[in-house]
PDB file of N, CA and C in Angstrom:
ATOM      1  N   UNK A   1      24.520  26.015 -49.371  1.00  0.00           N
ATOM      2  CA  UNK A   1      25.641  27.388 -49.781  1.00  0.00           C
ATOM      3  C   UNK A   1      25.838  26.459 -51.171  1.00  0.00           C
ATOM      4  N   UNK A   2      25.883  27.813 -51.947  1.00  0.00           N
ATOM      5  CA  UNK A   2      27.647  27.367 -52.425  1.00  0.00           C
ATOM      6  C   UNK A   2      28.930  28.125 -52.844  1.00  0.00           C
ATOM      7  N   UNK A   3      30.067  27.441 -53.218  1.00  0.00           N
ATOM      8  CA  UNK A   3      31.491  26.863 -52.185  1.00  0.00           C
ATOM      9  C   UNK A   3      31.361  28.517 -52.880  1.00  0.00           C
ATOM     10  N   UNK A   4      31.463  29.383 -53.116  1.00  0.00           N
ATOM     11  CA  UNK A   4      31.381  30.709 -53.644  1.00  0.00           C
ATOM     12  C   UNK A   4      30.953  31.469 -52.642  1.00  0.00           C
ATOM     13  N   UNK A   5      29.959  31.276 -51.888  1.00  0.00           N
ATOM     14  CA  UNK A   5      29.018  31.788 -51.056  1.00  0.00           C
ATOM     15  C   UNK A   5      29.791  31.430 -50.282  1.00  0.00           C
ATOM     16  N   UNK A   6      30.216  30.017 -49.377  1.00  0.00           N
ATOM     17  CA  UNK A   6      31.212  29.399 -48.209  1.00  0.00           C
ATOM     18  C   UNK A   6      32.613  30.740 -48.091  1.00  0.00           C
ATOM     19  N   UNK A   7      33.282  30.464 -49.431  1.00  0.00           N
ATOM     20  CA  UNK A   7      35.025  31.210 -50.051  1.00  0.00           C
ATOM     21  C   UNK A   7      34.745  33.121 -48.739  1.00  0.00           C
ATOM     22  N   UNK A   8      33.596  33.379 -50.250  1.00  0.00           N
ATOM     23  CA  UNK A   8      33.292  34.861 -49.519  1.00  0.00           C
ATOM     24  C   UNK A   8      32.680  35.090 -47.780  1.00  0.00           C
ATOM     25  N   UNK A   9      31.965  34.719 -47.435  1.00  0.00           N
ATOM     26  CA  UNK A   9      31.647  34.473 -46.194  1.00  0.00           C
ATOM     27  C   UNK A   9      33.008  34.246 -44.931  1.00  0.00           C
ATOM     28  N   UNK A  10      33.769  33.092 -45.978  1.00  0.00           N
ATOM     29  CA  UNK A  10      35.175  32.977 -44.442  1.00  0.00           C
ATOM     30  C   UNK A  10      35.583  34.214 -45.153  1.00  0.00           C
ATOM     31  N   UNK A  11      36.146  34.959 -46.562  1.00  0.00           N
ATOM     32  CA  UNK A  11      37.370  35.735 -46.508  1.00  0.00           C
ATOM     33  C   UNK A  11      36.617  37.367 -45.723  1.00  0.00           C
ATOM     34  N   UNK A  12      34.944  37.938 -45.633  1.00  0.00           N
ATOM     35  CA  UNK A  12      34.723  38.504 -44.853  1.00  0.00           C
ATOM     36  C   UNK A  12      34.923  38.450 -43.289  1.00  0.00           C
ATOM     37  N   UNK A  13      34.625  37.175 -42.970  1.00  0.00           N
ATOM     38  CA  UNK A  13      34.748  37.009 -41.549  1.00  0.00           C
ATOM     39  C   UNK A  13      36.683  37.075 -41.014  1.00  0.00           C
ATOM     40  N   UNK A  14      36.926  36.939 -42.081  1.00  0.00           N
ATOM     41  CA  UNK A  14      38.894  36.627 -41.314  1.00  0.00           C
ATOM     42  C   UNK A  14      38.925  38.786 -41.733  1.00  0.00           C
ATOM     43  N   UNK A  15      38.435  38.789 -42.645  1.00  0.00           N
ATOM     44  CA  UNK A  15      39.000  40.728 -42.303  1.00  0.00           C
ATOM     45  C   UNK A  15      38.176  41.417 -41.437  1.00  0.00           C
ATOM     46  N   UNK A  16      37.023  41.151 -41.334  1.00  0.00           N
ATOM     47  CA  UNK A  16      36.279  41.095 -40.120  1.00  0.00           C
ATOM     48  C   UNK A  16      36.825  40.634 -38.451  1.00  0.00           C
ATOM     49  N   UNK A  17      37.773  40.204 -38.509  1.00  0.00           N
ATOM     50  CA  UNK A  17      38.656  39.993 -37.159  1.00  0.00           C
ATOM     51  C   UNK A  17      40.222  40.297 -37.239  1.00  0.00           C
ATOM     52  N   UNK A  18      40.482  40.885 -38.664  1.00  0.00           N
ATOM     53  CA  UNK A  18      41.344  41.433 -38.998  1.00  0.00           C
ATOM     54  C   UNK A  18      40.892  42.689 -38.202  1.00  0.00           C
ATOM     55  N   UNK A  19      40.456  43.246 -38.047  1.00  0.00           N
ATOM     56  CA  UNK A  19      39.582  44.641 -38.097  1.00  0.00           C
ATOM     57  C   UNK A  19      39.788  44.623 -36.262  1.00  0.00           C
ATOM     58  N   UNK A  20      38.693  43.730 -36.449  1.00  0.00           N
ATOM     59  CA  UNK A  20      38.922  43.937 -34.108  1.00  0.00           C
ATOM     60  C   UNK A  20      40.185  43.712 -33.644  1.00  0.00           C
ATOM     61  N   UNK A  21      40.588  42.953 -34.267  1.00  0.00           N
ATOM     62  CA  UNK A  21      41.587  42.824 -33.261  1.00  0.00           C
ATOM     63  C   UNK A  21      42.575  43.621 -33.393  1.00  0.00           C
ATOM     64  N   UNK A  22      43.075  44.748 -34.583  1.00  0.00           N
ATOM     65  CA  UNK A  22      43.863  45.141 -34.988  1.00  0.00           C
ATOM     66  C   UNK A  22      43.459  46.776 -33.408  1.00  0.00           C
ATOM     67  N   UNK A  23      41.487  46.542 -33.660  1.00  0.00           N
ATOM     68  CA  UNK A  23      41.533  47.962 -32.471  1.00  0.00           C
ATOM     69  C   UNK A  23      41.152  47.330 -31.093  1.00  0.00           C
ATOM     70  N   UNK A  24      41.273  46.003 -31.106  1.00  0.00           N
ATOM     71  CA  UNK A  24      41.807  45.582 -29.727  1.00  0.00           C
ATOM     72  C   UNK A  24      42.744  45.737 -29.230  1.00  0.00           C
ATOM     73  N   UNK A  25      44.271  46.190 -30.067  1.00  0.00           N
ATOM     74  CA  UNK A  25      45.809  45.815 -29.767  1.00  0.00           C
ATOM     75  C   UNK A  25      45.702  47.184 -29.562  1.00  0.00           C
ATOM     76  N   UNK A  26      44.606  48.171 -30.231  1.00  0.00           N
ATOM     77  CA  UNK A  26      45.386  49.654 -30.040  1.00  0.00           C
ATOM     78  C   UNK A  26      44.663  50.100 -29.353  1.00  0.00           C
ATOM     79  N   UNK A  27      43.265  49.546 -28.710  1.00  0.00           N
ATOM     80  CA  UNK A  27      43.289  50.234 -27.099  1.00  0.00           C
ATOM     81  C   UNK A  27      43.738  49.311 -25.888  1.00  0.00           C
ATOM     82  N   UNK A  28      44.151  48.375 -26.150  1.00  0.00           N
ATOM     83  CA  UNK A  28      45.754  47.859 -25.242  1.00  0.00           C
ATOM     84  C   UNK A  28      47.002  48.486 -25.364  1.00  0.00           C
ATOM     85  N   UNK A  29      47.501  48.788 -25.944  1.00  0.00           N
ATOM     86  CA  UNK A  29      48.747  49.726 -25.991  1.00  0.00           C
ATOM     87  C   UNK A  29      48.876  50.719 -24.971  1.00  0.00           C
ATOM     88  N   UNK A  30      50.275  51.115 -24.409  1.00  0.00           N
ATOM     89  CA  UNK A  30      50.156  51.726 -22.936  1.00  0.00           C
ATOM     90  C   UNK A  30      49.945  52.949 -23.685  1.00  0.00           C
ATOM     91  N   UNK A  31      49.045  53.740 -24.436  1.00  0.00           N
ATOM     92  CA  UNK A  31      48.695  55.135 -24.406  1.00  0.00           C
ATOM     93  C   UNK A  31      47.612  55.733 -24.138  1.00  0.00           C
ATOM     94  N   UNK A  32      48.236  57.326 -23.579  1.00  0.00           N
ATOM     95  CA  UNK A  32      47.235  58.350 -23.400  1.00  0.00           C
ATOM     96  C   UNK A  32      46.057  57.997 -24.331  1.00  0.00           C
ATOM     97  N   UNK A  33      44.965  58.362 -23.478  1.00  0.00           N
ATOM     98  CA  UNK A  33      43.757  58.040 -23.927  1.00  0.00           C
ATOM     99  C   UNK A  33      43.207  59.302 -25.275  1.00  0.00           C
ATOM    100  N   UNK A  34      43.907  59.867 -25.822  1.00  0.00           N
ATOM    101  CA  UNK A  34      43.804  60.886 -26.190  1.00  0.00           C
ATOM    102  C   UNK A  34      44.343  61.041 -27.553  1.00  0.00           C
ATOM    103  N   UNK A  35      45.738  60.571 -27.266  1.00  0.00           N
ATOM    104  CA  UNK A  35      46.849  59.427 -28.515  1.00  0.00           C
ATOM    105  C   UNK A  35      45.721  58.794 -28.762  1.00  0.00           C
ATOM    106  N   UNK A  36      45.410  57.260 -28.198  1.00  0.00           N
ATOM    107  CA  UNK A  36      44.725  56.078 -28.846  1.00  0.00           C
ATOM    108  C   UNK A  36      43.374  56.337 -29.575  1.00  0.00           C
ATOM    109  N   UNK A  37      42.488  56.969 -29.601  1.00  0.00           N
ATOM    110  CA  UNK A  37      41.567  57.892 -29.575  1.00  0.00           C
ATOM    111  C   UNK A  37      42.269  57.918 -31.532  1.00  0.00           C
ATOM    112  N   UNK A  38      43.410  59.417 -31.653  1.00  0.00           N
ATOM    113  CA  UNK A  38      43.619  59.542 -33.220  1.00  0.00           C
ATOM    114  C   UNK A  38      44.147  58.537 -33.602  1.00  0.00           C
ATOM    115  N   UNK A  39      45.010  57.219 -32.845  1.00  0.00           N
ATOM    116  CA  UNK A  39      45.107  56.071 -33.758  1.00  0.00           C
ATOM    117  C   UNK A  39      44.488  55.647 -34.605  1.00  0.00           C
ATOM    118  N   UNK A  40      43.111  54.839 -33.664  1.00  0.00           N
ATOM    119  CA  UNK A  40      41.611  54.337 -33.634  1.00  0.00           C
ATOM    120  C   UNK A  40      41.833  55.621 -35.264  1.00  0.00           C
ATOM    121  N   UNK A  41      41.557  56.674 -35.133  1.00  0.00           N
ATOM    122  CA  UNK A  41      40.609  56.778 -36.322  1.00  0.00           C
ATOM    123  C   UNK A  41      41.237  57.061 -37.179  1.00  0.00           C
ATOM    124  N   UNK A  42      42.609  57.945 -37.317  1.00  0.00           N
ATOM    125  CA  UNK A  42      43.455  56.950 -38.724  1.00  0.00           C
ATOM    126  C   UNK A  42      43.383  55.942 -39.102  1.00  0.00           C
ATOM    127  N   UNK A  43      43.517  54.613 -38.870  1.00  0.00           N
ATOM    128  CA  UNK A  43      43.324  53.512 -38.919  1.00  0.00           C
ATOM    129  C   UNK A  43      41.659  53.322 -39.522  1.00  0.00           C
ATOM    130  N   UNK A  44      40.853  53.279 -38.302  1.00  0.00           N
ATOM    131  CA  UNK A  44      39.838  53.453 -39.556  1.00  0.00           C
ATOM    132  C   UNK A  44      39.583  54.271 -40.793  1.00  0.00           C
ATOM    133  N   UNK A  45      40.114  55.339 -41.061  1.00  0.00           N
ATOM    134  CA  UNK A  45      40.293  56.125 -42.056  1.00  0.00           C
ATOM    135  C   UNK A  45      41.242  55.463 -43.330  1.00  0.00           C
ATOM    136  N   UNK A  46      42.488  54.496 -42.620  1.00  0.00           N
ATOM    137  CA  UNK A  46      42.935  54.042 -43.560  1.00  0.00           C
ATOM    138  C   UNK A  46      42.343  53.279 -43.891  1.00  0.00           C
ATOM    139  N   UNK A  47      41.265  52.225 -43.515  1.00  0.00           N
ATOM    140  CA  UNK A  47      40.626  50.766 -44.099  1.00  0.00           C
ATOM    141  C   UNK A  47      39.538  51.721 -44.748  1.00  0.00           C
ATOM    142  N   UNK A  48      39.281  52.859 -44.388  1.00  0.00           N
ATOM    143  CA  UNK A  48      37.945  53.144 -45.291  1.00  0.00           C
ATOM    144  C   UNK A  48      36.868  52.985 -45.111  1.00  0.00           C
ATOM    145  N   UNK A  49      36.167  52.286 -43.805  1.00  0.00           N
ATOM    146  CA  UNK A  49      35.281  52.124 -42.762  1.00  0.00           C
ATOM    147  C   UNK A  49      34.454  52.754 -42.367  1.00  0.00           C
ATOM    148  N   UNK A  50      35.084  54.315 -42.084  1.00  0.00           N
ATOM    149  CA  UNK A  50      34.100  55.091 -42.156  1.00  0.00           C
ATOM    150  C   UNK A  50      34.255  56.362 -42.128  1.00  0.00           C
ATOM    151  N   UNK A  51      33.648  56.684 -43.008  1.00  0.00           N
ATOM    152  CA  UNK A  51      33.418  58.028 -44.236  1.00  0.00           C
ATOM    153  C   UNK A  51      33.500  59.209 -43.089  1.00  0.00           C
ATOM    154  N   UNK A  52      32.521  59.793 -42.586  1.00  0.00           N
ATOM    155  CA  UNK A  52      32.006  60.585 -41.906  1.00  0.00           C
ATOM    156  C   UNK A  52      32.453  60.595 -40.087  1.00  0.00           C
ATOM    157  N   UNK A  53      33.225  62.067 -39.959  1.00  0.00           N
ATOM    158  CA  UNK A  53      34.023  62.387 -39.189  1.00  0.00           C
ATOM    159  C   UNK A  53      32.988  62.280 -37.707  1.00  0.00           C
ATOM    160  N   UNK A  54      31.940  62.646 -37.749  1.00  0.00           N
ATOM    161  CA  UNK A  54      30.904  62.383 -36.643  1.00  0.00           C
ATOM    162  C   UNK A  54      30.895  60.690 -36.416  1.00  0.00           C
ATOM    163  N   UNK A  55      30.035  60.103 -37.363  1.00  0.00           N
ATOM    164  CA  UNK A  55      29.763  58.388 -37.035  1.00  0.00           C
ATOM    165  C   UNK A  55      31.427  57.846 -36.735  1.00  0.00           C
ATOM    166  N   UNK A  56      32.815  58.635 -37.301  1.00  0.00           N
ATOM    167  CA  UNK A  56      34.027  58.081 -36.746  1.00  0.00           C
ATOM    168  C   UNK A  56      34.172  58.409 -35.237  1.00  0.00           C
ATOM    169  N   UNK A  57      34.030  59.709 -34.717  1.00  0.00           N
ATOM    170  CA  UNK A  57      34.534  59.779 -33.289  1.00  0.00           C
ATOM    171  C   UNK A  57      32.831  58.741 -32.432  1.00  0.00           C
ATOM    172  N   UNK A  58      31.751  58.893 -32.515  1.00  0.00           N
ATOM    173  CA  UNK A  58      30.714  58.054 -31.918  1.00  0.00           C
ATOM    174  C   UNK A  58      31.123  56.495 -31.822  1.00  0.00           C
ATOM    175  N   UNK A  59      31.987  55.884 -33.510  1.00  0.00           N
ATOM    176  CA  UNK A  59      32.497  54.114 -33.041  1.00  0.00           C
ATOM    177  C   UNK A  59      33.626  54.639 -32.290  1.00  0.00           C
ATOM    178  N   UNK A  60      35.125  55.519 -32.136  1.00  0.00           N
ATOM    179  CA  UNK A  60      35.696  55.469 -31.074  1.00  0.00           C
ATOM    180  C   UNK A  60      35.436  55.415 -29.739  1.00  0.00           C
ATOM    181  N   UNK A  61      34.186  56.787 -29.173  1.00  0.00           N
ATOM    182  CA  UNK A  61      34.153  56.380 -28.359  1.00  0.00           C
ATOM    183  C   UNK A  61      33.063  55.314 -27.148  1.00  0.00           C
ATOM    184  N   UNK A  62      32.776  54.634 -29.242  1.00  0.00           N
ATOM    185  CA  UNK A  62      31.652  52.809 -28.766  1.00  0.00           C
ATOM    186  C   UNK A  62      33.392  52.392 -27.720  1.00  0.00           C
ATOM    187  N   UNK A  63      34.080  51.765 -29.285  1.00  0.00           N
ATOM    188  CA  UNK A  63      35.180  51.173 -28.669  1.00  0.00           C
ATOM    189  C   UNK A  63      35.402  51.350 -27.495  1.00  0.00           C
ATOM    190  N   UNK A  64      35.860  52.588 -27.077  1.00  0.00           N
ATOM    191  CA  UNK A  64      36.954  52.978 -26.004  1.00  0.00           C
ATOM    192  C   UNK A  64      35.689  52.928 -24.204  1.00  0.00           C
ATOM    193  N   UNK A  65      34.706  53.010 -24.511  1.00  0.00           N
ATOM    194  CA  UNK A  65      33.870  52.420 -23.557  1.00  0.00           C
ATOM    195  C   UNK A  65      33.491  51.244 -23.401  1.00  0.00           C
ATOM    196  N   UNK A  66      33.450  50.520 -24.254  1.00  0.00           N
ATOM    197  CA  UNK A  66      33.080  48.675 -24.051  1.00  0.00           C
ATOM    198  C   UNK A  66      34.801  48.288 -23.560  1.00  0.00           C
ATOM    199  N   UNK A  67      36.009  49.217 -24.025  1.00  0.00           N
ATOM    200  CA  UNK A  67      36.564  48.748 -23.413  1.00  0.00           C
ATOM    201  C   UNK A  67      37.239  48.553 -21.947  1.00  0.00           C
ATOM    202  N   UNK A  68      36.752  49.626 -21.290  1.00  0.00           N
ATOM    203  CA  UNK A  68      36.869  50.015 -19.920  1.00  0.00           C
ATOM    204  C   UNK A  68      36.495  49.212 -19.530  1.00  0.00           C
TER     205      UNK A  68
END
Protein backbone atom coordinates (compact mmCIF):
# COMPACT_ATOMS: atom_id res chain seq x y z
CA UNK A 1 0.00 0.00 0.00
CA UNK A 2 1.05 3.53 -0.61
CA UNK A 3 1.85 5.68 2.39
CA UNK A 4 -1.09 7.96 1.57
CA UNK A 5 -3.50 4.98 1.60
CA UNK A 6 -2.16 3.84 4.97
CA UNK A 7 -2.66 7.30 6.45
CA UNK A 8 -6.18 7.56 5.02
CA UNK A 9 -7.07 4.12 6.38
CA UNK A 10 -5.74 5.05 9.82
CA UNK A 11 -7.73 8.29 9.88
CA UNK A 12 -10.95 6.56 8.81
CA UNK A 13 -10.41 3.83 11.43
CA UNK A 14 -9.78 6.41 14.16
CA UNK A 15 -12.90 8.39 13.24
CA UNK A 16 -14.97 5.21 13.15
CA UNK A 17 -13.66 4.29 16.59
CA UNK A 18 -14.58 7.70 17.94
CA UNK A 19 -18.13 7.45 16.62
CA UNK A 20 -18.53 3.91 17.98
CA UNK A 21 -17.11 4.97 21.34
CA UNK A 22 -19.46 7.92 21.57
CA UNK A 23 -22.45 5.72 20.71
CA UNK A 24 -21.46 3.16 23.34
CA UNK A 25 -20.94 5.89 25.92
CA UNK A 26 -24.43 7.20 25.21
CA UNK A 27 -25.88 3.72 25.53
CA UNK A 28 -24.31 3.17 28.93
CA UNK A 29 -25.33 6.57 30.26
CA UNK A 30 -27.94 6.39 33.01
CA UNK A 31 -30.89 7.70 31.00
CA UNK A 32 -34.29 6.38 30.05
CA UNK A 33 -34.57 4.58 26.71
CA UNK A 34 -36.57 7.25 24.91
CA UNK A 35 -34.22 10.01 26.03
CA UNK A 36 -31.20 7.95 25.08
CA UNK A 37 -32.53 7.15 21.62
CA UNK A 38 -33.21 10.83 21.08
CA UNK A 39 -29.62 11.64 22.07
CA UNK A 40 -28.25 9.01 19.68
CA UNK A 41 -30.38 10.37 16.83
CA UNK A 42 -29.21 13.93 17.48
CA UNK A 43 -25.57 12.82 17.65
CA UNK A 44 -25.75 10.87 14.38
CA UNK A 45 -27.61 13.69 12.60
CA UNK A 46 -25.03 16.19 13.83
CA UNK A 47 -22.26 14.03 12.36
CA UNK A 48 -24.20 13.63 9.10
CA UNK A 49 -23.96 9.84 9.29
CA UNK A 50 -27.58 8.89 8.59
CA UNK A 51 -29.61 11.41 6.62
CA UNK A 52 -33.03 9.67 6.57
CA UNK A 53 -35.19 9.42 9.71
CA UNK A 54 -36.32 5.88 8.90
CA UNK A 55 -32.75 4.62 8.52
CA UNK A 56 -31.79 6.53 11.64
CA UNK A 57 -34.58 4.89 13.66
CA UNK A 58 -33.49 1.45 12.43
CA UNK A 59 -29.85 2.12 13.30
CA UNK A 60 -30.68 3.40 16.78
CA UNK A 61 -32.90 0.37 17.44
CA UNK A 62 -30.17 -2.01 16.22
CA UNK A 63 -27.58 -0.38 18.50
CA UNK A 64 -29.98 -0.52 21.45
CA UNK A 65 -30.76 -4.21 20.86
CA UNK A 66 -27.09 -5.16 20.62
CA UNK A 67 -26.37 -3.46 23.93
CA UNK A 68 -29.07 -5.37 25.84
